[in-house]
Amino acid sequence: MGTPNSRKKVSLRDIAKEVGLSVSAVSLAMRNSSKVSPERRKEVLDTAERLGYKKDGRIVELMEHLRTKRDDRLISKVAVLVPEIKQEELKRFPFIRRILDGLEEQAEESGYGLDVIYLEDLKASPKRLKGILTARGIKGVIAVPWVSGVGSLKLDLEELCVATAGYSIIEPMLNRACTNYLQMMDELIEQACRLGYKRIGFIMTYTRGGIGHKLFASSFLFYSMLIEESQRIPILPRRDICEGKVKEWMDTYKPDVVISSEMVRGMLADLGYDMPKDLGFASIDIAEGPDYVSGVDHRHELVGREALKLAVADVNLNKTGLPENPKVVTVDSHYHSGETLRRVGEPIDIKIRSAVHNEAGE
């Protein structure tokens, strides 16, 4: 009896013989083509699974490319939908600009063009937007985040392959590429502890209820559980961010380092804090501020690249509409040392990411 590794590899020809179709018809069915009836497609897919057929992803991608006319290969485009802001406002939102840069770089490498559509400039209904995409022959779509927090994408997704960047679009559930927010806050807190900071404060600038808000808060609250109660500082919520309440919070809890956004850093500077001399500061997104600020790099460009890969993969496999099992690709952040944090004492042994450490073989 042969071992699993010695068994003959199942081919499309084997499946065709089993279901009584031509190899080309089986190939169409495997690509979810509408040229094959839904019943026949299901029969082919069920048979392929039963026989243990495995696709070679590299061959699938190559064949999809070769099936396309040469002229079409040069002009195939992916639409990028930018909600809430007009094109002229883009410079105010560096994280959106960086996502677009990543999308553009990956599109060029993948042989696609981008059709960037600013929805506030277009002022089109969902029905008209779908008509525009159809008229332009666009199948792949990337939706970039809402700048104000969370939102929804109102668009008929039939015959479209849609992915999004970030957690902002919560409805419908799409394939998405995101920064690893939990790792990001863990890393900032651990870095502050390594530098000897003992009283870490967090001013939350993310919209309540969003994934970023929840993950940042989860990490900080977990850290608070690991330290003495006397050292715990409550999170200052977004609704209380104004100069008066920030000053009151600083005077009451006396943090020696603050984790927050560029807006809050400016507010602290206006209150007279010299960073890092008087106070350490770590930014939750260095894309917002000057290079000398310490903090984390969300790697927005890489998020954009991964989002485009998700959409293009579905285009190649003709997987349109809402994904049955939405995927989330997380991108690791990078710590940027900057100049607004400094060593203030002996390292504090707080390891949030390895509170419980197991080793293989134990």
Foldseek 3Di string as FASTA:
>chain_A
DDDPVPDDADDLVNLCVVLVHDSVLLVCLQLVHPVDPPVVSVSSVVSCVVVVHDDDLVVLLVVLLVVDDPVCLQEAEEEEEEEDDDPVCVVQPLLVVLLVLLLCVLCVVVSHHYHYDYCVVVVDDQVVVVVVCVVSVHAFYEYEADPQAADADPHFFVSHQYEYEAQRHVPPQAAFEYAPLLLFLLVVVQVQLQLPFQAEAEEDQHDPPTPNSVSNVVNLVLLCVVDDVLRDQDYHYNVQDDLVSVVVSCVVNVGQEYEEAPVVVVSVVVVPDDFPVRHAYEYCDCSNDDLQHWYKHSSSSVRSSVRSVSRVSCVSSVPTDHDPDHHYHYDYIDTRGHGRDHRDDHRDPDNSPPPDDDDPPD
